[in-house]
Amino acid sequence: TDNIPIKTALYPSNWELSAARATSVLRYFIAKHAIEPDRLYVKGNADSRPLVPNNTPEQRAQNRRVEIRLKEIS
């Protein structure tokens, strides 16, 4: 999420928005790809881990993202 504060009934802060975005991706993988829910987890970082500075609209757009990390199964 970028550094522009959000305050809505659904998302009181960037933390809730960040967690909701991550959760929507998790639900997609469960529903569309039959991945077991206990093999997934989500983490919301809000505006605490930007990829780039939040100085322009383009940079803020880059920081509104969901990262997917895969671990090798042994």
N, C-alpha and C. Protein backbone atom coordinates (compact mmCIF):
# COMPACT_ATOMS: atom_id res chain seq x y z
N THR A 1 0.84 -1.18 0.00
CA THR A 1 0.00 0.00 0.00
C THR A 1 0.88 1.24 0.00
N ASP A 2 0.41 2.26 -0.64
CA ASP A 2 1.19 3.51 -0.66
C ASP A 2 1.03 4.25 0.66
N ASN A 3 1.62 5.43 0.74
CA ASN A 3 1.62 6.17 2.01
C ASN A 3 0.48 7.18 2.13
N ILE A 4 -0.49 7.13 1.24
CA ILE A 4 -1.65 8.01 1.34
C ILE A 4 -2.62 7.36 2.34
N PRO A 5 -2.90 8.02 3.45
CA PRO A 5 -3.79 7.42 4.45
C PRO A 5 -5.19 7.17 3.88
N ILE A 6 -5.76 6.05 4.27
CA ILE A 6 -7.13 5.73 3.89
C ILE A 6 -7.94 5.68 5.18
N LYS A 7 -9.17 6.11 5.11
CA LYS A 7 -10.04 6.02 6.28
C LYS A 7 -11.47 5.89 5.77
N THR A 8 -11.89 4.65 5.65
CA THR A 8 -13.27 4.36 5.24
C THR A 8 -13.87 3.42 6.27
N ALA A 9 -15.16 3.19 6.17
CA ALA A 9 -15.81 2.25 7.09
C ALA A 9 -15.23 0.85 6.93
N LEU A 10 -14.95 0.47 5.70
CA LEU A 10 -14.41 -0.87 5.43
C LEU A 10 -12.93 -0.97 5.78
N TYR A 11 -12.18 0.09 5.50
CA TYR A 11 -10.74 0.10 5.74
C TYR A 11 -10.37 1.33 6.58
N PRO A 12 -10.37 1.19 7.90
CA PRO A 12 -10.06 2.34 8.76
C PRO A 12 -8.63 2.85 8.61
N SER A 13 -7.74 2.00 8.09
CA SER A 13 -6.35 2.43 7.89
C SER A 13 -5.73 1.60 6.77
N ASN A 14 -4.51 1.96 6.39
CA ASN A 14 -3.79 1.21 5.36
C ASN A 14 -3.49 -0.22 5.80
N TRP A 15 -3.47 -0.47 7.11
CA TRP A 15 -3.23 -1.83 7.59
C TRP A 15 -4.37 -2.76 7.19
N GLU A 16 -5.60 -2.32 7.38
CA GLU A 16 -6.75 -3.15 6.99
C GLU A 16 -6.81 -3.34 5.49
N LEU A 17 -6.52 -2.29 4.74
CA LEU A 17 -6.51 -2.40 3.28
C LEU A 17 -5.45 -3.40 2.82
N SER A 18 -4.27 -3.31 3.38
CA SER A 18 -3.18 -4.20 3.02
C SER A 18 -3.54 -5.66 3.33
N ALA A 19 -4.09 -5.90 4.50
CA ALA A 19 -4.48 -7.27 4.88
C ALA A 19 -5.60 -7.79 3.98
N ALA A 20 -6.54 -6.93 3.62
CA ALA A 20 -7.64 -7.34 2.74
C ALA A 20 -7.13 -7.70 1.35
N ARG A 21 -6.20 -6.95 0.83
CA ARG A 21 -5.63 -7.27 -0.49
C ARG A 21 -4.93 -8.62 -0.45
N ALA A 22 -4.15 -8.84 0.58
CA ALA A 22 -3.44 -10.12 0.70
C ALA A 22 -4.43 -11.27 0.86
N THR A 23 -5.47 -11.07 1.65
CA THR A 23 -6.47 -12.11 1.86
C THR A 23 -7.22 -12.43 0.59
N SER A 24 -7.49 -11.44 -0.24
CA SER A 24 -8.20 -11.71 -1.49
C SER A 24 -7.37 -12.59 -2.42
N VAL A 25 -6.06 -12.42 -2.41
CA VAL A 25 -5.19 -13.28 -3.22
C VAL A 25 -5.19 -14.69 -2.66
N LEU A 26 -5.13 -14.83 -1.34
CA LEU A 26 -5.19 -16.14 -0.71
C LEU A 26 -6.49 -16.85 -1.10
N ARG A 27 -7.60 -16.16 -1.01
CA ARG A 27 -8.89 -16.77 -1.37
C ARG A 27 -8.94 -17.18 -2.84
N TYR A 28 -8.33 -16.39 -3.70
CA TYR A 28 -8.26 -16.75 -5.12
C TYR A 28 -7.54 -18.08 -5.30
N PHE A 29 -6.39 -18.25 -4.68
CA PHE A 29 -5.64 -19.49 -4.83
C PHE A 29 -6.39 -20.69 -4.26
N ILE A 30 -7.11 -20.49 -3.17
CA ILE A 30 -7.90 -21.58 -2.60
C ILE A 30 -9.05 -21.94 -3.53
N ALA A 31 -9.77 -20.95 -4.04
CA ALA A 31 -10.95 -21.19 -4.87
C ALA A 31 -10.62 -21.66 -6.27
N LYS A 32 -9.65 -21.06 -6.90
CA LYS A 32 -9.38 -21.34 -8.32
C LYS A 32 -8.32 -22.40 -8.56
N HIS A 33 -7.49 -22.64 -7.57
CA HIS A 33 -6.38 -23.57 -7.79
C HIS A 33 -6.34 -24.70 -6.77
N ALA A 34 -7.39 -24.81 -5.96
CA ALA A 34 -7.55 -25.90 -5.00
C ALA A 34 -6.32 -26.10 -4.11
N ILE A 35 -5.70 -25.01 -3.73
CA ILE A 35 -4.57 -25.10 -2.80
C ILE A 35 -5.13 -25.20 -1.39
N GLU A 36 -4.58 -26.12 -0.63
CA GLU A 36 -5.04 -26.31 0.74
C GLU A 36 -4.81 -25.04 1.57
N PRO A 37 -5.83 -24.58 2.27
CA PRO A 37 -5.68 -23.34 3.06
C PRO A 37 -4.57 -23.39 4.09
N ASP A 38 -4.29 -24.57 4.64
CA ASP A 38 -3.25 -24.65 5.67
C ASP A 38 -1.84 -24.55 5.11
N ARG A 39 -1.73 -24.43 3.79
CA ARG A 39 -0.42 -24.27 3.16
C ARG A 39 -0.14 -22.81 2.81
N LEU A 40 -1.06 -21.93 3.14
CA LEU A 40 -0.95 -20.52 2.78
C LEU A 40 -1.02 -19.64 4.03
N TYR A 41 -0.43 -18.47 3.93
CA TYR A 41 -0.62 -17.46 4.97
C TYR A 41 -0.52 -16.09 4.32
N VAL A 42 -1.07 -15.11 4.99
CA VAL A 42 -1.01 -13.74 4.48
C VAL A 42 -0.33 -12.85 5.50
N LYS A 43 0.19 -11.76 4.99
CA LYS A 43 0.85 -10.76 5.83
C LYS A 43 0.62 -9.41 5.17
N GLY A 44 0.09 -8.48 5.91
CA GLY A 44 -0.09 -7.13 5.41
C GLY A 44 0.96 -6.20 5.99
N ASN A 45 1.60 -5.42 5.13
CA ASN A 45 2.64 -4.49 5.59
C ASN A 45 2.22 -3.03 5.55
N ALA A 46 1.01 -2.77 5.08
CA ALA A 46 0.54 -1.38 4.92
C ALA A 46 1.58 -0.58 4.14
N ASP A 47 1.99 0.57 4.67
CA ASP A 47 2.96 1.40 3.95
C ASP A 47 4.36 1.26 4.54
N SER A 48 4.61 0.19 5.29
CA SER A 48 5.89 0.05 5.99
C SER A 48 7.02 -0.56 5.16
N ARG A 49 6.71 -1.11 3.99
CA ARG A 49 7.75 -1.74 3.17
C ARG A 49 7.61 -1.34 1.69
N PRO A 50 7.78 -0.08 1.37
CA PRO A 50 7.65 0.35 -0.03
C PRO A 50 8.79 -0.20 -0.89
N LEU A 51 8.47 -0.47 -2.15
CA LEU A 51 9.51 -0.85 -3.12
C LEU A 51 10.31 0.37 -3.55
N VAL A 52 9.60 1.46 -3.73
CA VAL A 52 10.19 2.71 -4.21
C VAL A 52 9.66 3.85 -3.35
N PRO A 53 10.29 5.02 -3.38
CA PRO A 53 9.75 6.17 -2.64
C PRO A 53 8.32 6.48 -3.10
N ASN A 54 7.53 7.06 -2.25
CA ASN A 54 6.13 7.39 -2.55
C ASN A 54 5.99 8.85 -2.99
N ASN A 55 6.87 9.31 -3.87
CA ASN A 55 6.89 10.72 -4.25
C ASN A 55 5.98 11.10 -5.40
N THR A 56 5.61 10.14 -6.24
CA THR A 56 4.79 10.44 -7.42
C THR A 56 3.63 9.44 -7.49
N PRO A 57 2.59 9.75 -8.25
CA PRO A 57 1.50 8.78 -8.42
C PRO A 57 1.99 7.45 -8.99
N GLU A 58 2.95 7.50 -9.89
CA GLU A 58 3.48 6.27 -10.48
C GLU A 58 4.20 5.42 -9.43
N GLN A 59 4.97 6.07 -8.58
CA GLN A 59 5.67 5.33 -7.52
C GLN A 59 4.67 4.77 -6.51
N ARG A 60 3.67 5.55 -6.16
CA ARG A 60 2.66 5.04 -5.22
C ARG A 60 1.95 3.83 -5.82
N ALA A 61 1.69 3.85 -7.12
CA ALA A 61 1.06 2.70 -7.78
C ALA A 61 1.94 1.46 -7.67
N GLN A 62 3.24 1.62 -7.79
CA GLN A 62 4.16 0.49 -7.66
C GLN A 62 4.11 -0.10 -6.25
N ASN A 63 3.85 0.72 -5.27
CA ASN A 63 3.83 0.25 -3.89
C ASN A 63 2.50 -0.38 -3.49
N ARG A 64 1.48 -0.26 -4.33
CA ARG A 64 0.21 -0.95 -4.08
C ARG A 64 0.30 -2.31 -4.74
N ARG A 65 0.72 -3.30 -3.97
CA ARG A 65 1.01 -4.60 -4.56
C ARG A 65 0.76 -5.71 -3.54
N VAL A 66 0.70 -6.92 -4.07
CA VAL A 66 0.70 -8.13 -3.27
C VAL A 66 1.88 -8.94 -3.76
N GLU A 67 2.75 -9.33 -2.86
CA GLU A 67 3.89 -10.18 -3.20
C GLU A 67 3.52 -11.62 -2.89
N ILE A 68 3.90 -12.51 -3.78
CA ILE A 68 3.68 -13.94 -3.57
C ILE A 68 5.04 -14.60 -3.47
N ARG A 69 5.24 -15.31 -2.39
CA ARG A 69 6.51 -16.01 -2.17
C ARG A 69 6.24 -17.49 -2.07
N LEU A 70 7.03 -18.27 -2.76
CA LEU A 70 6.88 -19.72 -2.75
C LEU A 70 8.08 -20.34 -2.06
N LYS A 71 7.81 -21.37 -1.28
CA LYS A 71 8.88 -22.11 -0.62
C LYS A 71 8.91 -23.51 -1.20
N GLU A 72 10.09 -24.02 -1.35
CA GLU A 72 10.25 -25.38 -1.83
C GLU A 72 9.75 -26.35 -0.76
N ILE A 73 9.02 -27.34 -1.20
CA ILE A 73 8.52 -28.37 -0.28
C ILE A 73 9.53 -29.50 -0.26
N SER A 74 9.94 -29.87 0.94
CA SER A 74 10.92 -30.95 1.03
C SER A 74 10.28 -32.28 1.34
